[in-house]
Amino acid sequence: YVKRVQLGEYRTQKRGGRGKSGMSTKDTDFVEHLFVA
């Protein structure tokens, strides 16, 4: 699967941040490539 997302969707978190979901995946799938472009 492929998609592009506005960079502003991902904001810097402070120490102790829990992170945010960056992409939904199916079962055994995983994110393999990520680029800023």
All heavy atoms as atom14 arrays in JSON, in Angstrom:
{
  "sequence": "YVKRVQLGEYRTQKRGGRGKSGMSTKDTDFVEHLFVA",
  "atom14_mask": [
    [1, 1, 1, 1, 1, 1, 1, 1, 1, 1, 1, 1, 0, 0],
    [1, 1, 1, 1, 1, 1, 1, 0, 0, 0, 0, 0, 0, 0],
    [1, 1, 1, 1, 1, 1, 1, 1, 1, 0, 0, 0, 0, 0],
    [1, 1, 1, 1, 1, 1, 1, 1, 1, 1, 1, 0, 0, 0],
    [1, 1, 1, 1, 1, 1, 1, 0, 0, 0, 0, 0, 0, 0],
    [1, 1, 1, 1, 1, 1, 1, 1, 1, 0, 0, 0, 0, 0],
    [1, 1, 1, 1, 1, 1, 1, 1, 0, 0, 0, 0, 0, 0],
    [1, 1, 1, 1, 0, 0, 0, 0, 0, 0, 0, 0, 0, 0],
    [1, 1, 1, 1, 1, 1, 1, 1, 1, 0, 0, 0, 0, 0],
    [1, 1, 1, 1, 1, 1, 1, 1, 1, 1, 1, 1, 0, 0],
    [1, 1, 1, 1, 1, 1, 1, 1, 1, 1, 1, 0, 0, 0],
    [1, 1, 1, 1, 1, 1, 1, 0, 0, 0, 0, 0, 0, 0],
    [1, 1, 1, 1, 1, 1, 1, 1, 1, 0, 0, 0, 0, 0],
    [1, 1, 1, 1, 1, 1, 1, 1, 1, 0, 0, 0, 0, 0],
    [1, 1, 1, 1, 1, 1, 1, 1, 1, 1, 1, 0, 0, 0],
    [1, 1, 1, 1, 0, 0, 0, 0, 0, 0, 0, 0, 0, 0],
    [1, 1, 1, 1, 0, 0, 0, 0, 0, 0, 0, 0, 0, 0],
    [1, 1, 1, 1, 1, 1, 1, 1, 1, 1, 1, 0, 0, 0],
    [1, 1, 1, 1, 0, 0, 0, 0, 0, 0, 0, 0, 0, 0],
    [1, 1, 1, 1, 1, 1, 1, 1, 1, 0, 0, 0, 0, 0],
    [1, 1, 1, 1, 1, 1, 0, 0, 0, 0, 0, 0, 0, 0],
    [1, 1, 1, 1, 0, 0, 0, 0, 0, 0, 0, 0, 0, 0],
    [1, 1, 1, 1, 1, 1, 1, 1, 0, 0, 0, 0, 0, 0],
    [1, 1, 1, 1, 1, 1, 0, 0, 0, 0, 0, 0, 0, 0],
    [1, 1, 1, 1, 1, 1, 1, 0, 0, 0, 0, 0, 0, 0],
    [1, 1, 1, 1, 1, 1, 1, 1, 1, 0, 0, 0, 0, 0],
    [1, 1, 1, 1, 1, 1, 1, 1, 0, 0, 0, 0, 0, 0],
    [1, 1, 1, 1, 1, 1, 1, 0, 0, 0, 0, 0, 0, 0],
    [1, 1, 1, 1, 1, 1, 1, 1, 0, 0, 0, 0, 0, 0],
    [1, 1, 1, 1, 1, 1, 1, 1, 1, 1, 1, 0, 0, 0],
    [1, 1, 1, 1, 1, 1, 1, 0, 0, 0, 0, 0, 0, 0],
    [1, 1, 1, 1, 1, 1, 1, 1, 1, 0, 0, 0, 0, 0],
    [1, 1, 1, 1, 1, 1, 1, 1, 1, 1, 0, 0, 0, 0],
    [1, 1, 1, 1, 1, 1, 1, 1, 0, 0, 0, 0, 0, 0],
    [1, 1, 1, 1, 1, 1, 1, 1, 1, 1, 1, 0, 0, 0],
    [1, 1, 1, 1, 1, 1, 1, 0, 0, 0, 0, 0, 0, 0],
    [1, 1, 1, 1, 1, 0, 0, 0, 0, 0, 0, 0, 0, 0]
  ],
  "atom14_positions": [
    [[0.84, -1.2, 0.0], [0.0, 0.0, 0.0], [0.88, 1.25, 0.0], [2.01, 1.23, 0.5], [-0.91, 0.02, 1.24], [-2.06, -0.95, 1.16], [-1.87, -2.3, 1.4], [-3.34, -0.51, 0.81], [-2.92, -3.2, 1.32], [-4.39, -1.41, 0.74], [-4.18, -2.75, 0.99], [-5.23, -3.63, 0.9], [0.0, 0.0, 0.0], [0.0, 0.0, 0.0]],
    [[0.35, 2.33, -0.56], [1.11, 3.58, -0.65], [0.17, 4.76, -0.4], [-1.02, 4.7, -0.73], [1.79, 3.7, -2.04], [0.77, 3.79, -3.16], [2.73, 4.89, -2.09], [0.0, 0.0, 0.0], [0.0, 0.0, 0.0], [0.0, 0.0, 0.0], [0.0, 0.0, 0.0], [0.0, 0.0, 0.0], [0.0, 0.0, 0.0], [0.0, 0.0, 0.0]],
    [[0.69, 5.82, 0.2], [-0.08, 7.05, 0.4], [0.89, 8.2, 0.65], [2.07, 7.98, 0.96], [-1.05, 6.92, 1.57], [-0.37, 6.86, 2.94], [-1.37, 6.91, 4.07], [-0.67, 6.83, 5.42], [-1.58, 6.94, 6.55], [0.0, 0.0, 0.0], [0.0, 0.0, 0.0], [0.0, 0.0, 0.0], [0.0, 0.0, 0.0], [0.0, 0.0, 0.0]],
    [[0.38, 9.41, 0.52], [1.15, 10.6, 0.93], [0.31, 11.37, 1.94], [-0.92, 11.43, 1.84], [1.54, 11.47, -0.26], [0.4, 12.07, -1.04], [0.93, 12.84, -2.25], [-0.12, 13.22, -3.16], [-0.7, 14.43, -3.19], [-0.3, 15.36, -2.35], [-1.64, 14.68, -4.06], [0.0, 0.0, 0.0], [0.0, 0.0, 0.0], [0.0, 0.0, 0.0]],
    [[0.98, 11.95, 2.92], [0.31, 12.65, 4.02], [1.02, 13.98, 4.23], [2.25, 14.06, 4.14], [0.37, 11.82, 5.32], [-0.35, 12.54, 6.46], [-0.2, 10.43, 5.11], [0.0, 0.0, 0.0], [0.0, 0.0, 0.0], [0.0, 0.0, 0.0], [0.0, 0.0, 0.0], [0.0, 0.0, 0.0], [0.0, 0.0, 0.0], [0.0, 0.0, 0.0]],
    [[0.25, 15.04, 4.5], [0.87, 16.34, 4.81], [1.81, 16.2, 6.01], [1.45, 15.58, 7.02], [-0.24, 17.36, 5.16], [-1.05, 17.82, 3.96], [-0.28, 18.8, 3.08], [0.7, 19.38, 3.5], [-0.74, 18.96, 1.85], [0.0, 0.0, 0.0], [0.0, 0.0, 0.0], [0.0, 0.0, 0.0], [0.0, 0.0, 0.0], [0.0, 0.0, 0.0]],
    [[3.0, 16.77, 5.91], [3.99, 16.66, 6.97], [3.47, 17.24, 8.29], [3.82, 16.77, 9.38], [5.28, 17.37, 6.55], [6.51, 17.15, 7.43], [6.87, 15.67, 7.52], [7.69, 17.95, 6.91], [0.0, 0.0, 0.0], [0.0, 0.0, 0.0], [0.0, 0.0, 0.0], [0.0, 0.0, 0.0], [0.0, 0.0, 0.0], [0.0, 0.0, 0.0]],
    [[2.59, 18.25, 8.2], [2.03, 18.88, 9.4], [1.19, 17.95, 10.25], [0.9, 18.27, 11.41], [0.0, 0.0, 0.0], [0.0, 0.0, 0.0], [0.0, 0.0, 0.0], [0.0, 0.0, 0.0], [0.0, 0.0, 0.0], [0.0, 0.0, 0.0], [0.0, 0.0, 0.0], [0.0, 0.0, 0.0], [0.0, 0.0, 0.0], [0.0, 0.0, 0.0]],
    [[0.81, 16.8, 9.69], [0.04, 15.81, 10.46], [0.89, 15.2, 11.57], [0.37, 14.62, 12.52], [-0.47, 14.71, 9.53], [-1.53, 15.15, 8.55], [-2.92, 15.14, 9.15], [-3.13, 14.46, 10.17], [-3.78, 15.83, 8.61], [0.0, 0.0, 0.0], [0.0, 0.0, 0.0], [0.0, 0.0, 0.0], [0.0, 0.0, 0.0], [0.0, 0.0, 0.0]],
    [[2.2, 15.29, 11.41], [3.1, 14.7, 12.4], [3.81, 15.83, 13.14], [4.61, 16.55, 12.55], [4.14, 13.79, 11.72], [3.49, 12.69, 10.91], [3.24, 12.87, 9.55], [3.12, 11.49, 11.5], [2.64, 11.87, 8.8], [2.51, 10.49, 10.76], [2.28, 10.69, 9.41], [1.69, 9.7, 8.68], [0.0, 0.0, 0.0], [0.0, 0.0, 0.0]],
    [[3.5, 15.98, 14.41], [4.08, 17.07, 15.19], [5.08, 16.53, 16.22], [4.92, 15.42, 16.71], [2.97, 17.84, 15.92], [2.07, 18.61, 14.98], [1.16, 19.56, 15.73], [0.41, 20.4, 14.81], [-0.72, 20.06, 14.23], [-1.24, 18.88, 14.48], [-1.34, 20.88, 13.4], [0.0, 0.0, 0.0], [0.0, 0.0, 0.0], [0.0, 0.0, 0.0]],
    [[6.08, 17.35, 16.54], [7.06, 16.97, 17.55], [6.39, 16.83, 18.9], [5.59, 17.68, 19.3], [8.17, 18.05, 17.64], [8.75, 18.22, 16.36], [9.24, 17.63, 18.63], [0.0, 0.0, 0.0], [0.0, 0.0, 0.0], [0.0, 0.0, 0.0], [0.0, 0.0, 0.0], [0.0, 0.0, 0.0], [0.0, 0.0, 0.0], [0.0, 0.0, 0.0]],
    [[6.7, 15.76, 19.59], [6.13, 15.53, 20.92], [7.19, 15.77, 21.98], [8.39, 15.64, 21.72], [5.59, 14.1, 21.02], [4.45, 13.85, 20.06], [3.86, 12.47, 20.23], [4.27, 11.72, 21.11], [2.89, 12.14, 19.42], [0.0, 0.0, 0.0], [0.0, 0.0, 0.0], [0.0, 0.0, 0.0], [0.0, 0.0, 0.0], [0.0, 0.0, 0.0]],
    [[6.73, 16.12, 23.16], [7.66, 16.36, 24.26], [8.07, 15.04, 24.9], [7.53, 13.99, 24.57], [7.02, 17.3, 25.28], [6.75, 18.68, 24.69], [6.14, 19.6, 25.7], [5.9, 20.96, 25.04], [5.17, 21.88, 25.91], [0.0, 0.0, 0.0], [0.0, 0.0, 0.0], [0.0, 0.0, 0.0], [0.0, 0.0, 0.0], [0.0, 0.0, 0.0]],
    [[9.02, 15.11, 25.82], [9.51, 13.91, 26.47], [8.36, 13.17, 27.13], [7.5, 13.77, 27.76], [10.55, 14.3, 27.52], [11.38, 13.1, 27.97], [12.49, 13.54, 28.84], [11.97, 13.76, 30.2], [12.72, 13.96, 31.26], [14.03, 14.03, 31.11], [12.21, 14.13, 32.44], [0.0, 0.0, 0.0], [0.0, 0.0, 0.0], [0.0, 0.0, 0.0]],
    [[8.35, 11.88, 26.97], [7.27, 11.07, 27.53], [6.09, 10.92, 26.58], [5.09, 10.3, 26.93], [0.0, 0.0, 0.0], [0.0, 0.0, 0.0], [0.0, 0.0, 0.0], [0.0, 0.0, 0.0], [0.0, 0.0, 0.0], [0.0, 0.0, 0.0], [0.0, 0.0, 0.0], [0.0, 0.0, 0.0], [0.0, 0.0, 0.0], [0.0, 0.0, 0.0]],
    [[6.19, 11.5, 25.37], [5.11, 11.38, 24.39], [4.88, 9.93, 24.01], [5.81, 9.13, 23.95], [0.0, 0.0, 0.0], [0.0, 0.0, 0.0], [0.0, 0.0, 0.0], [0.0, 0.0, 0.0], [0.0, 0.0, 0.0], [0.0, 0.0, 0.0], [0.0, 0.0, 0.0], [0.0, 0.0, 0.0], [0.0, 0.0, 0.0], [0.0, 0.0, 0.0]],
    [[3.63, 9.58, 23.78], [3.28, 8.18, 23.5], [3.26, 7.86, 22.01], [3.05, 6.72, 21.62], [1.92, 7.88, 24.11], [1.96, 7.86, 25.63], [0.59, 7.77, 26.24], [-0.25, 6.78, 25.55], [-1.53, 6.6, 25.81], [-2.12, 7.33, 26.75], [-2.24, 5.71, 25.16], [0.0, 0.0, 0.0], [0.0, 0.0, 0.0], [0.0, 0.0, 0.0]],
    [[3.49, 8.86, 21.16], [3.46, 8.61, 19.72], [2.03, 8.59, 19.18], [1.06, 8.56, 19.94], [0.0, 0.0, 0.0], [0.0, 0.0, 0.0], [0.0, 0.0, 0.0], [0.0, 0.0, 0.0], [0.0, 0.0, 0.0], [0.0, 0.0, 0.0], [0.0, 0.0, 0.0], [0.0, 0.0, 0.0], [0.0, 0.0, 0.0], [0.0, 0.0, 0.0]],
    [[1.94, 8.64, 17.87], [0.64, 8.58, 17.2], [0.69, 7.54, 16.1], [1.76, 7.25, 15.56], [0.31, 9.95, 16.57], [-0.03, 11.04, 17.56], [-0.42, 12.31, 16.82], [-0.88, 13.38, 17.79], [-1.28, 14.6, 17.08], [0.0, 0.0, 0.0], [0.0, 0.0, 0.0], [0.0, 0.0, 0.0], [0.0, 0.0, 0.0], [0.0, 0.0, 0.0]],
    [[-0.46, 7.03, 15.76], [-0.54, 6.08, 14.65], [-0.2, 6.81, 13.36], [-0.74, 7.87, 13.08], [-1.94, 5.48, 14.57], [-2.05, 4.66, 13.43], [0.0, 0.0, 0.0], [0.0, 0.0, 0.0], [0.0, 0.0, 0.0], [0.0, 0.0, 0.0], [0.0, 0.0, 0.0], [0.0, 0.0, 0.0], [0.0, 0.0, 0.0], [0.0, 0.0, 0.0]],
    [[0.72, 6.24, 12.58], [1.1, 6.86, 11.32], [0.46, 6.2, 10.12], [0.43, 6.77, 9.03], [0.0, 0.0, 0.0], [0.0, 0.0, 0.0], [0.0, 0.0, 0.0], [0.0, 0.0, 0.0], [0.0, 0.0, 0.0], [0.0, 0.0, 0.0], [0.0, 0.0, 0.0], [0.0, 0.0, 0.0], [0.0, 0.0, 0.0], [0.0, 0.0, 0.0]],
    [[-0.06, 4.98, 10.29], [-0.67, 4.26, 9.18], [-1.38, 3.03, 9.71], [-0.87, 2.36, 10.61], [0.41, 3.86, 8.17], [-0.11, 3.24, 6.89], [1.26, 2.96, 5.74], [0.34, 2.59, 4.25], [0.0, 0.0, 0.0], [0.0, 0.0, 0.0], [0.0, 0.0, 0.0], [0.0, 0.0, 0.0], [0.0, 0.0, 0.0], [0.0, 0.0, 0.0]],
    [[-2.54, 2.75, 9.17], [-3.23, 1.51, 9.52], [-2.66, 0.38, 8.68], [-2.32, 0.57, 7.51], [-4.73, 1.64, 9.24], [-5.3, 2.61, 10.09], [0.0, 0.0, 0.0], [0.0, 0.0, 0.0], [0.0, 0.0, 0.0], [0.0, 0.0, 0.0], [0.0, 0.0, 0.0], [0.0, 0.0, 0.0], [0.0, 0.0, 0.0], [0.0, 0.0, 0.0]],
    [[-2.54, -0.8, 9.26], [-2.03, -1.96, 8.53], [-2.91, -3.17, 8.8], [-3.6, -3.23, 9.8], [-0.58, -2.29, 8.95], [-0.54, -2.49, 10.36], [0.38, -1.19, 8.57], [0.0, 0.0, 0.0], [0.0, 0.0, 0.0], [0.0, 0.0, 0.0], [0.0, 0.0, 0.0], [0.0, 0.0, 0.0], [0.0, 0.0, 0.0], [0.0, 0.0, 0.0]],
    [[-2.84, -4.12, 7.89], [-3.57, -5.37, 8.05], [-2.69, -6.41, 8.73], [-1.51, -6.52, 8.43], [-3.95, -5.93, 6.67], [-5.2, -5.37, 6.05], [-5.42, -6.09, 4.74], [-6.78, -5.75, 4.15], [-6.99, -6.44, 2.86], [0.0, 0.0, 0.0], [0.0, 0.0, 0.0], [0.0, 0.0, 0.0], [0.0, 0.0, 0.0], [0.0, 0.0, 0.0]],
    [[-3.22, -7.18, 9.62], [-2.61, -8.36, 10.23], [-1.08, -8.33, 10.26], [-0.48, -7.7, 11.09], [-3.09, -9.63, 9.5], [-4.61, -9.75, 9.57], [-5.18, -9.29, 10.56], [-5.2, -10.31, 8.63], [0.0, 0.0, 0.0], [0.0, 0.0, 0.0], [0.0, 0.0, 0.0], [0.0, 0.0, 0.0], [0.0, 0.0, 0.0], [0.0, 0.0, 0.0]],
    [[-0.43, -9.06, 9.32], [1.03, -9.2, 9.35], [1.75, -8.13, 8.54], [2.96, -8.21, 8.34], [1.43, -10.58, 8.8], [0.93, -10.72, 7.47], [0.86, -11.69, 9.67], [0.0, 0.0, 0.0], [0.0, 0.0, 0.0], [0.0, 0.0, 0.0], [0.0, 0.0, 0.0], [0.0, 0.0, 0.0], [0.0, 0.0, 0.0], [0.0, 0.0, 0.0]],
    [[1.04, -7.11, 8.06], [1.65, -6.05, 7.27], [2.42, -5.09, 8.18], [2.19, -5.04, 9.39], [0.56, -5.28, 6.5], [1.13, -4.5, 5.32], [2.34, -4.65, 5.04], [0.37, -3.73, 4.71], [0.0, 0.0, 0.0], [0.0, 0.0, 0.0], [0.0, 0.0, 0.0], [0.0, 0.0, 0.0], [0.0, 0.0, 0.0], [0.0, 0.0, 0.0]],
    [[3.36, -4.35, 7.61], [4.12, -3.36, 8.37], [4.62, -2.28, 7.43], [4.71, -2.48, 6.22], [5.3, -4.02, 9.11], [6.26, -4.76, 8.21], [7.36, -4.12, 7.67], [6.05, -6.1, 7.92], [8.24, -4.8, 6.84], [6.92, -6.79, 7.08], [8.01, -6.13, 6.54], [0.0, 0.0, 0.0], [0.0, 0.0, 0.0], [0.0, 0.0, 0.0]],
    [[4.93, -1.11, 8.0], [5.44, 0.0, 7.19], [6.9, -0.27, 6.86], [7.71, -0.57, 7.74], [5.32, 1.33, 7.96], [5.92, 2.47, 7.13], [3.86, 1.62, 8.28], [0.0, 0.0, 0.0], [0.0, 0.0, 0.0], [0.0, 0.0, 0.0], [0.0, 0.0, 0.0], [0.0, 0.0, 0.0], [0.0, 0.0, 0.0], [0.0, 0.0, 0.0]],
    [[7.24, -0.18, 5.57], [8.6, -0.52, 5.14], [9.4, 0.69, 4.67], [10.61, 0.74, 4.86], [8.52, -1.55, 4.01], [9.83, -2.22, 3.73], [9.69, -3.46, 2.85], [8.58, -3.73, 2.36], [10.7, -4.15, 2.65], [0.0, 0.0, 0.0], [0.0, 0.0, 0.0], [0.0, 0.0, 0.0], [0.0, 0.0, 0.0], [0.0, 0.0, 0.0]],
    [[8.77, 1.67, 4.05], [9.49, 2.84, 3.54], [8.76, 4.11, 3.95], [7.53, 4.19, 3.87], [9.58, 2.81, 2.0], [10.19, 1.55, 1.46], [11.52, 1.26, 1.57], [9.63, 0.5, 0.82], [11.77, 0.1, 1.0], [10.63, -0.39, 0.54], [0.0, 0.0, 0.0], [0.0, 0.0, 0.0], [0.0, 0.0, 0.0], [0.0, 0.0, 0.0]],
    [[9.53, 5.11, 4.38], [8.97, 6.41, 4.77], [9.92, 7.5, 4.29], [11.13, 7.42, 4.54], [8.82, 6.48, 6.3], [8.4, 7.83, 6.89], [6.97, 8.18, 6.47], [8.52, 7.8, 8.4], [0.0, 0.0, 0.0], [0.0, 0.0, 0.0], [0.0, 0.0, 0.0], [0.0, 0.0, 0.0], [0.0, 0.0, 0.0], [0.0, 0.0, 0.0]],
    [[9.4, 8.49, 3.56], [10.23, 9.56, 3.01], [9.6, 10.92, 3.28], [8.38, 11.04, 3.3], [10.38, 9.42, 1.49], [11.1, 8.16, 1.06], [10.38, 7.03, 0.72], [12.47, 8.12, 1.01], [11.02, 5.88, 0.33], [13.13, 6.96, 0.63], [12.41, 5.85, 0.29], [0.0, 0.0, 0.0], [0.0, 0.0, 0.0], [0.0, 0.0, 0.0]],
    [[10.44, 11.92, 3.48], [9.99, 13.31, 3.49], [10.35, 13.87, 2.12], [11.51, 13.82, 1.71], [10.68, 14.14, 4.6], [10.25, 15.59, 4.5], [10.34, 13.57, 5.96], [0.0, 0.0, 0.0], [0.0, 0.0, 0.0], [0.0, 0.0, 0.0], [0.0, 0.0, 0.0], [0.0, 0.0, 0.0], [0.0, 0.0, 0.0], [0.0, 0.0, 0.0]],
    [[9.35, 14.35, 1.39], [9.59, 14.8, 0.01], [8.63, 15.91, -0.36], [7.53, 16.03, 0.19], [9.43, 13.63, -0.96], [0.0, 0.0, 0.0], [0.0, 0.0, 0.0], [0.0, 0.0, 0.0], [0.0, 0.0, 0.0], [0.0, 0.0, 0.0], [0.0, 0.0, 0.0], [0.0, 0.0, 0.0], [0.0, 0.0, 0.0], [0.0, 0.0, 0.0]]
  ]
}
